[in-house]
Amino acid sequence: MVDDFLIRAFIAGCGLVLAAGPLGCFVVWRKMAYFGDSVAHAALLGVALSLAFSVSPFIGVLIVALVVVTNIDIASKMIDYISARQTKVRNIKCNILDYSAEQYDGVWASRSLIHIPPKDFEKALKQISGCLKPSGMLAMILLLTNSETLVEQTGPNLLANRPEVTSYRVLHSEQSATAALKTTGYSIANKVTVTDRDNEACIYFEALAHNDL
């Protein structure tokens, strides 16, 4: 005779599979795995608060999950706010190595190019140049090294807080970055050595593309 608890557990497991299977596929398909992971871990806080205040765990999980989702949505709304009021600014999510579309007056690459391997760095600069109008401006920040050669670093991703997730970045010397920009048809309009919030040395470039030559 099978225990009633095992029967109920089996039924609950089947229901969980039917609900979580399709939903999990959808989350992965939409590239929202980290989003789902964040909400799931935040739900544990909801359970703890529910037990502390003697309320239904469902209510606690729902409130905490809504707070997390709202905070994520605020960042998205900030981008929408800027895009709505600055008609000349467009937010584009893409792989810069494969990007090809209309041309723009300027591209703000921020720190995204620090993750480009050295062998692909000039290719990325050329791709960005192709996105710019003649004399369009590329603004970017690179991590700085005192070494004459580029330094590749791989380590734990502190934002992910998971040991299996690693972060890759490249440190450039001022000379190597300047040479790469000139090789790919840019002229340096401005460059400033700065320190970021993590007290790491960086160099900020403003470079004009001369893809009309």
Foldseek 3Di string as FASTA:
>chain_A
DDDPVVVVVVVVVVVCCVPCVVVVVVCVVVVNVLVVVVLVVQLVVLQVVCVVVVHDSVVSSVVSSVVSVVVVVVVVVVVVVCCVVVVLDDDDDDDLLPDDDAAHLEDECEAVLQQPDPVCSLSSLLSNLNNHDAQRKYKYKAFADPDQDKDKDKACDVVSVDRVDIGIGIHHHPVVVCVSQVVSAKDWPDKDWDADPVRTIMMITIITHRPVD
